[in-house]
């Protein structure tokens, strides 16, 4: 059953590929799809990339590290 279906689909594909009207219709369809994709595809925006990545020193520069109230050192 599978092979019969596969053979039938292949014959229909070959018939369609030899039909100039089908080829023209397929080209028109392709162009329409490209136009629709361009029209409705959201614009990609560039990410704002800083000049250099932040270091841990930059991230924690405003943090003040002090002694714990229980006098335990880590």
N, C-alpha and C. Protein backbone atom coordinates (compact mmCIF):
# COMPACT_ATOMS: atom_id res chain seq x y z
N UNK A 1 0.82 -1.19 0.00
CA UNK A 1 0.00 0.00 0.00
C UNK A 1 0.87 1.26 0.00
N UNK A 2 1.89 1.28 0.83
CA UNK A 2 2.78 2.44 0.90
C UNK A 2 3.48 2.65 -0.45
N UNK A 3 4.00 1.58 -1.03
CA UNK A 3 4.73 1.69 -2.29
C UNK A 3 3.82 2.12 -3.43
N UNK A 4 2.58 1.64 -3.40
CA UNK A 4 1.61 2.06 -4.42
C UNK A 4 1.37 3.57 -4.35
N UNK A 5 1.17 4.06 -3.14
CA UNK A 5 0.95 5.49 -2.94
C UNK A 5 2.18 6.28 -3.37
N UNK A 6 3.35 5.81 -3.00
CA UNK A 6 4.59 6.48 -3.36
C UNK A 6 4.76 6.54 -4.88
N UNK A 7 4.48 5.46 -5.55
CA UNK A 7 4.58 5.43 -7.02
C UNK A 7 3.57 6.38 -7.66
N UNK A 8 2.35 6.40 -7.12
CA UNK A 8 1.32 7.29 -7.67
C UNK A 8 1.71 8.75 -7.49
N UNK A 9 2.21 9.08 -6.31
CA UNK A 9 2.64 10.46 -6.05
C UNK A 9 3.80 10.83 -6.96
N UNK A 10 4.72 9.92 -7.16
CA UNK A 10 5.86 10.20 -8.03
C UNK A 10 5.41 10.43 -9.48
N UNK A 11 4.47 9.63 -9.96
CA UNK A 11 3.96 9.82 -11.32
C UNK A 11 3.28 11.19 -11.45
N UNK A 12 2.48 11.55 -10.45
CA UNK A 12 1.81 12.85 -10.48
C UNK A 12 2.82 14.00 -10.40
N UNK A 13 3.86 13.83 -9.64
CA UNK A 13 4.91 14.85 -9.54
C UNK A 13 5.60 15.04 -10.89
N UNK A 14 5.94 13.92 -11.54
CA UNK A 14 6.59 14.00 -12.84
C UNK A 14 5.68 14.65 -13.89
N UNK A 15 4.40 14.33 -13.83
CA UNK A 15 3.45 14.92 -14.75
C UNK A 15 3.36 16.43 -14.53
N UNK A 16 3.31 16.85 -13.26
CA UNK A 16 3.23 18.27 -12.94
C UNK A 16 4.50 19.01 -13.38
N UNK A 17 5.66 18.40 -13.19
CA UNK A 17 6.91 19.05 -13.55
C UNK A 17 7.09 19.17 -15.07
N UNK A 18 6.36 18.41 -15.83
CA UNK A 18 6.45 18.53 -17.29
C UNK A 18 5.37 19.45 -17.86
N UNK A 19 4.51 19.97 -17.00
CA UNK A 19 3.42 20.86 -17.43
C UNK A 19 3.88 22.32 -17.28
N UNK A 20 4.05 23.06 -18.39
CA UNK A 20 4.51 24.45 -18.30
C UNK A 20 3.56 25.35 -17.52
N UNK A 21 2.27 25.06 -17.58
CA UNK A 21 1.30 25.86 -16.82
C UNK A 21 1.52 25.69 -15.32
N UNK A 22 1.80 24.46 -14.88
CA UNK A 22 2.07 24.20 -13.47
C UNK A 22 3.35 24.92 -13.04
N UNK A 23 4.39 24.86 -13.86
CA UNK A 23 5.66 25.51 -13.55
C UNK A 23 5.46 27.01 -13.38
N UNK A 24 4.72 27.62 -14.28
CA UNK A 24 4.45 29.06 -14.20
C UNK A 24 3.66 29.39 -12.93
N UNK A 25 2.68 28.59 -12.64
CA UNK A 25 1.87 28.80 -11.44
C UNK A 25 2.74 28.67 -10.18
N UNK A 26 3.64 27.71 -10.17
CA UNK A 26 4.53 27.52 -9.02
C UNK A 26 5.46 28.73 -8.85
N UNK A 27 5.96 29.28 -9.95
CA UNK A 27 6.82 30.47 -9.88
C UNK A 27 6.05 31.67 -9.34
N UNK A 28 4.83 31.86 -9.78
CA UNK A 28 4.00 32.96 -9.29
C UNK A 28 3.73 32.78 -7.79
N UNK A 29 3.46 31.57 -7.40
CA UNK A 29 3.21 31.28 -5.99
C UNK A 29 4.45 31.60 -5.15
N UNK A 30 5.61 31.24 -5.66
CA UNK A 30 6.86 31.52 -4.95
C UNK A 30 7.07 33.02 -4.77
N UNK A 31 6.81 33.79 -5.82
CA UNK A 31 6.97 35.24 -5.75
C UNK A 31 5.99 35.85 -4.74
N UNK A 32 4.77 35.35 -4.74
CA UNK A 32 3.77 35.85 -3.79
C UNK A 32 4.20 35.56 -2.36
N UNK A 33 4.71 34.37 -2.12
CA UNK A 33 5.18 34.03 -0.78
C UNK A 33 6.32 34.94 -0.33
N UNK A 34 7.24 35.24 -1.24
CA UNK A 34 8.36 36.13 -0.90
C UNK A 34 7.85 37.52 -0.55
N UNK A 35 6.89 38.03 -1.31
CA UNK A 35 6.33 39.35 -1.03
C UNK A 35 5.63 39.38 0.32
N UNK A 36 4.87 38.34 0.61
CA UNK A 36 4.15 38.28 1.89
C UNK A 36 5.14 38.20 3.05
N UNK A 37 6.18 37.41 2.90
CA UNK A 37 7.19 37.31 3.96
C UNK A 37 7.84 38.66 4.22
N UNK A 38 8.17 39.39 3.16
CA UNK A 38 8.80 40.69 3.34
C UNK A 38 7.85 41.69 3.97
N UNK A 39 6.60 41.61 3.64
CA UNK A 39 5.63 42.57 4.15
C UNK A 39 5.31 42.34 5.62
N UNK A 40 5.18 41.09 6.02
CA UNK A 40 4.72 40.79 7.36
C UNK A 40 5.82 40.37 8.33
N UNK A 41 7.02 40.17 7.84
CA UNK A 41 8.11 39.77 8.73
C UNK A 41 8.54 40.98 9.56
N UNK A 42 8.63 40.82 10.89
CA UNK A 42 9.03 41.96 11.72
C UNK A 42 10.48 42.36 11.42
N UNK A 43 10.72 43.66 11.54
CA UNK A 43 12.06 44.17 11.30
C UNK A 43 12.98 43.73 12.43
N UNK A 44 14.14 43.24 12.06
CA UNK A 44 15.10 42.82 13.06
C UNK A 44 15.88 44.05 13.52
N UNK A 45 16.07 44.14 14.81
CA UNK A 45 16.79 45.28 15.35
C UNK A 45 18.11 44.81 15.93
N UNK A 46 19.10 45.64 15.78
CA UNK A 46 20.41 45.30 16.32
C UNK A 46 20.38 45.48 17.83
N UNK A 47 21.03 44.57 18.50
CA UNK A 47 21.14 44.68 19.94
C UNK A 47 22.16 45.75 20.28
N UNK A 48 21.88 46.49 21.34
CA UNK A 48 22.81 47.51 21.78
C UNK A 48 23.94 46.82 22.53
N UNK A 49 25.09 46.78 21.90
CA UNK A 49 26.23 46.08 22.47
C UNK A 49 27.17 47.12 23.04
N UNK A 50 27.53 46.95 24.33
CA UNK A 50 28.45 47.90 24.94
C UNK A 50 29.86 47.67 24.40
N UNK A 51 30.72 48.65 24.59
CA UNK A 51 32.07 48.59 24.05
C UNK A 51 32.85 47.43 24.65
N UNK A 52 32.65 47.18 25.94
CA UNK A 52 33.35 46.06 26.57
C UNK A 52 32.41 45.41 27.57
N UNK A 53 32.58 44.14 27.81
CA UNK A 53 31.70 43.47 28.78
C UNK A 53 32.01 43.94 30.20
N UNK A 54 30.99 43.92 31.03
CA UNK A 54 31.17 44.34 32.41
C UNK A 54 31.96 43.29 33.18
N UNK A 55 32.86 43.76 34.00
CA UNK A 55 33.60 42.87 34.88
C UNK A 55 32.88 42.80 36.22
N UNK A 56 33.26 41.84 37.04
CA UNK A 56 32.66 41.76 38.37
C UNK A 56 32.96 43.02 39.18
N UNK A 57 34.13 43.60 38.98
CA UNK A 57 34.48 44.84 39.68
C UNK A 57 33.51 45.96 39.29
N UNK A 58 33.14 46.02 38.01
CA UNK A 58 32.17 47.03 37.57
C UNK A 58 30.80 46.78 38.20
N UNK A 59 30.41 45.53 38.25
CA UNK A 59 29.08 45.19 38.76
C UNK A 59 28.96 45.51 40.25
N UNK A 60 30.01 45.20 41.01
CA UNK A 60 29.96 45.34 42.47
C UNK A 60 30.66 46.59 42.98
N UNK A 61 30.93 47.57 42.13
CA UNK A 61 31.70 48.73 42.58
C UNK A 61 30.97 49.55 43.63
N UNK A 62 29.63 49.57 43.63
CA UNK A 62 28.89 50.36 44.61
C UNK A 62 28.50 49.56 45.85
N UNK A 63 28.90 48.31 45.90
CA UNK A 63 28.57 47.47 47.04
C UNK A 63 29.70 47.59 48.06
N UNK A 64 29.31 47.76 49.29
CA UNK A 64 30.31 47.86 50.35
C UNK A 64 30.30 46.56 51.14
N UNK A 65 31.42 45.87 51.12
CA UNK A 65 31.53 44.62 51.85
C UNK A 65 32.09 44.91 53.23
N UNK A 66 31.48 44.36 54.25
CA UNK A 66 31.93 44.62 55.61
C UNK A 66 31.90 43.35 56.43
N UNK A 67 32.12 43.51 57.70
CA UNK A 67 32.12 42.37 58.62
C UNK A 67 30.69 41.95 58.94
N UNK A 68 30.53 40.65 59.14
CA UNK A 68 29.23 40.13 59.58
C UNK A 68 29.06 40.43 61.05
N UNK A 69 27.84 40.53 61.49
CA UNK A 69 27.57 40.85 62.90
C UNK A 69 27.94 39.69 63.83
N UNK A 70 28.07 38.48 63.29
CA UNK A 70 28.39 37.35 64.15
C UNK A 70 29.90 37.08 64.18
N UNK A 71 30.71 37.97 63.61
CA UNK A 71 32.17 37.88 63.62
C UNK A 71 32.71 36.59 63.04
N UNK A 72 32.02 35.99 62.08
CA UNK A 72 32.49 34.77 61.42
C UNK A 72 33.12 35.16 60.10
N UNK A 73 34.33 34.65 59.84
CA UNK A 73 35.02 34.95 58.59
C UNK A 73 34.72 33.84 57.58
N UNK A 74 34.68 34.21 56.35
CA UNK A 74 34.45 33.23 55.29
C UNK A 74 35.68 33.09 54.47
